[in-house]
Protein backbone atom coordinates (compact mmCIF):
# COMPACT_ATOMS: atom_id res chain seq x y z
CA UNK A 1 45.14 8.01 3.39
CA UNK A 2 44.55 10.58 0.88
CA UNK A 3 43.83 7.89 -2.15
CA UNK A 4 41.64 5.81 0.36
CA UNK A 5 39.67 8.90 1.42
CA UNK A 6 39.66 10.29 -2.79
CA UNK A 7 38.25 6.62 -3.52
CA UNK A 8 35.62 6.65 -0.62
CA UNK A 9 33.88 9.99 -0.86
CA UNK A 10 34.87 10.21 -5.22
CA UNK A 11 32.95 6.88 -6.08
CA UNK A 12 30.72 6.43 -3.04
CA UNK A 13 29.28 9.36 -4.81
CA UNK A 14 29.55 7.78 -7.75
CA UNK A 15 28.15 4.20 -7.46
CA UNK A 16 25.89 4.33 -4.36
CA UNK A 17 23.95 7.42 -5.63
CA UNK A 18 23.77 7.92 -9.32
CA UNK A 19 22.11 5.65 -11.43
CA UNK A 20 24.09 6.76 -14.54
CA UNK A 21 27.20 5.17 -13.10
CA UNK A 22 25.45 1.85 -13.67
CA UNK A 23 22.44 2.90 -15.97
CA UNK A 24 23.90 4.45 -18.70
CA UNK A 25 23.30 1.68 -21.80
CA UNK A 26 27.16 0.88 -21.77
CA UNK A 27 27.87 -2.69 -22.88
CA UNK A 28 29.76 -5.09 -20.13
CA UNK A 29 32.74 -5.01 -21.91
CA UNK A 30 33.24 -1.62 -21.79
CA UNK A 31 31.86 -1.60 -17.46
CA UNK A 32 34.68 -4.51 -17.16
CA UNK A 33 37.45 -1.88 -19.24
CA UNK A 34 36.66 0.45 -16.69
CA UNK A 35 36.50 -1.63 -13.57
CA UNK A 36 40.18 -2.36 -14.63
CA UNK A 37 40.98 1.48 -14.74
CA UNK A 38 40.00 1.67 -11.62
CA UNK A 39 42.01 -1.32 -9.73
CA UNK A 40 45.27 0.09 -11.69
CA UNK A 41 44.85 3.68 -10.53
CA UNK A 42 43.50 3.35 -7.03
CA UNK A 43 44.68 -0.15 -6.63
CA UNK A 44 42.84 -3.45 -5.49
CA UNK A 45 43.31 -3.10 -1.92
CA UNK A 46 40.68 0.09 -2.34
CA UNK A 47 38.53 -1.25 -4.49
CA UNK A 48 38.02 -4.40 -2.75
CA UNK A 49 36.50 -2.75 0.54
CA UNK A 50 34.01 -0.69 -2.39
CA UNK A 51 32.87 -3.53 -3.89
CA UNK A 52 29.99 -4.17 -1.54
CA UNK A 53 28.90 -0.62 -2.01
CA UNK A 54 29.14 -0.84 -5.52
CA UNK A 55 27.39 -4.55 -6.24
CA UNK A 56 24.49 -3.03 -3.41
CA UNK A 57 23.96 -0.03 -6.44
CA UNK A 58 23.96 -2.32 -9.08
CA UNK A 59 21.32 -4.09 -7.10
CA UNK A 60 19.56 -0.78 -6.61
CA UNK A 61 19.50 0.24 -9.82
CA UNK A 62 18.39 -3.28 -11.47
CA UNK A 63 15.54 -2.83 -8.82
CA UNK A 64 14.82 0.90 -9.76
CA UNK A 65 14.30 -0.44 -13.64
CA UNK A 66 12.43 -3.47 -12.95
CA UNK A 67 9.88 -1.05 -11.23
CA UNK A 68 9.76 1.70 -14.02
CA UNK A 69 10.90 4.50 -10.95
CA UNK A 70 13.80 6.56 -9.88
CA UNK A 71 14.01 6.51 -6.41
CA UNK A 72 18.24 6.25 -6.17
CA UNK A 73 20.43 8.82 -4.63
CA UNK A 74 20.71 10.92 -1.38
CA UNK A 75 19.80 15.14 -1.37
CA UNK A 76 20.13 16.79 1.25
CA UNK A 77 18.02 19.11 3.15
CA UNK A 78 19.81 22.30 2.31
CA UNK A 79 18.87 20.77 -1.39
CA UNK A 80 15.37 20.16 -0.93
CA UNK A 81 14.74 23.75 0.71
CA UNK A 82 16.63 25.17 -1.69
CA UNK A 83 15.04 23.70 -4.36
CA UNK A 84 11.57 24.63 -2.29
CA UNK A 85 11.53 27.88 -0.79
CA UNK A 86 10.48 26.24 2.06
CA UNK A 87 12.83 26.33 5.34
CA UNK A 88 10.08 25.60 7.72
CA UNK A 89 10.84 21.67 8.04
CA UNK A 90 15.29 22.03 8.10
CA UNK A 91 14.92 21.77 11.92
CA UNK A 92 12.88 18.39 11.50
CA UNK A 93 14.89 16.83 8.48
CA UNK A 94 18.40 15.76 7.69
CA UNK A 95 18.70 14.14 4.64
CA UNK A 96 16.43 12.07 1.69
CA UNK A 97 17.62 8.52 1.05
CA UNK A 98 15.98 5.60 0.05
CA UNK A 99 15.30 2.27 1.66
CA UNK A 100 17.21 -0.20 -0.21
CA UNK A 101 14.91 -3.17 -1.65
CA UNK A 102 16.54 -5.76 0.81
CA UNK A 103 16.02 -4.09 4.21
CA UNK A 104 12.02 -3.47 2.44
CA UNK A 105 11.87 -7.52 2.43
CA UNK A 106 13.56 -7.89 5.19
CA UNK A 107 11.23 -5.63 7.28
CA UNK A 108 8.19 -7.37 5.73
CA UNK A 109 9.27 -10.93 6.57
CA UNK A 110 9.67 -10.30 10.16
CA UNK A 111 5.48 -9.17 10.15
CA UNK A 112 3.78 -12.20 11.33
CA UNK A 113 1.76 -14.05 8.70
CA UNK A 114 -0.91 -11.67 7.20
CA UNK A 115 -2.24 -10.74 4.05
CA UNK A 116 -1.09 -7.26 2.86
CA UNK A 117 -4.87 -6.53 0.76
CA UNK A 118 -6.68 -6.76 4.19
CA UNK A 119 -4.11 -3.86 6.05
CA UNK A 120 -3.28 -0.46 4.76
CA UNK A 121 0.62 0.77 4.66
CA UNK A 122 1.31 4.50 5.53
CA UNK A 123 4.74 5.54 5.16
CA UNK A 124 5.29 9.18 6.43
CA UNK A 125 8.40 10.26 5.00
CA UNK A 126 7.79 8.58 1.71
CA UNK A 127 10.70 10.63 -0.43
CA UNK A 128 10.35 9.56 -3.83
CA UNK A 129 8.08 6.80 -2.80
CA UNK A 130 10.46 3.50 -3.32
CA UNK A 131 8.71 2.41 -0.24
CA UNK A 132 5.12 2.85 -1.58
CA UNK A 133 5.57 1.36 -5.28
CA UNK A 134 7.00 -2.17 -3.01
CA UNK A 135 4.01 -1.87 -0.42
CA UNK A 136 1.90 -1.87 -3.79
CA UNK A 137 4.02 -4.42 -5.30
CA UNK A 138 4.00 -7.16 -2.61
CA UNK A 139 -0.29 -6.35 -2.49
CA UNK A 140 -1.10 -4.12 0.18
CA UNK A 141 -5.05 -2.81 -0.57
CA UNK A 142 -3.97 0.80 0.10
CA UNK A 143 -1.13 2.62 0.35
CA UNK A 144 -0.52 6.35 1.54
CA UNK A 145 2.75 7.90 1.35
CA UNK A 146 3.01 11.30 3.35
CA UNK A 147 6.16 13.87 1.96
CA UNK A 148 6.72 17.64 3.58
CA UNK A 149 8.70 18.65 0.55
CA UNK A 150 7.00 19.78 -2.60
CA UNK A 151 10.43 18.25 -5.19
CA UNK A 152 9.83 15.08 -3.36
CA UNK A 153 6.12 14.40 -3.58
CA UNK A 154 6.25 15.51 -7.10
CA UNK A 155 8.91 12.63 -7.49
CA UNK A 156 7.23 10.47 -5.69
CA UNK A 157 4.10 11.04 -7.89
CA UNK A 158 6.05 10.38 -11.47
CA UNK A 159 7.31 7.42 -9.57
CA UNK A 160 3.54 6.79 -9.01
CA UNK A 161 2.54 7.00 -12.72
CA UNK A 162 5.81 5.55 -14.11
CA UNK A 163 4.72 2.11 -12.05
CA UNK A 164 1.53 2.43 -12.87
CA UNK A 165 2.50 2.27 -16.68
CA UNK A 166 4.47 -0.77 -15.95
CA UNK A 167 1.61 -2.90 -15.05
CA UNK A 168 1.87 -2.36 -11.64
CA UNK A 169 -0.86 -1.27 -9.07
CA UNK A 170 0.06 2.69 -9.08
CA UNK A 171 -4.21 3.33 -8.33
CA UNK A 172 -3.68 1.55 -3.94
CA UNK A 173 -1.17 4.36 -4.34
CA UNK A 174 -1.79 7.38 -2.85
CA UNK A 175 0.49 10.80 -1.99
CA UNK A 176 -0.47 13.23 0.27
CA UNK A 177 2.06 16.41 0.50
């Protein structure tokens, strides 16, 4: 059980939140070698239980790179208030975690037929702006993100600029802090 706990907390952080784990320029052979070492160290059962999480991390990292953004990771509200020096939002916030790419696609498929270009997408608590970039990418006419933490507003604005530099429709995105 102790071994499972170590794997769960250490590797969950490493694979689910830290983009460097899979986006560090390492060759596939190096990654395979690291995976084999992990299997030897943790056992095949423990690694197999974490494969879905690892696969999601790879997919999330791929899409962030494709869009030119950096939105991966979980940030606790204590960390945000420490960075921003503002504690008035402590009671209303818990943590930042981006909406998964798969969940955004499912949400958009659930909306009856509509023309995104004729609508405004609004995201309250936009965080680093992943949903904003995705909404612009599928063609919403206007995209507005509202965020209460200045640190996350700055990250969202940086992601908007990077998305635009990759040829994305950054001009339709507005971030309100």
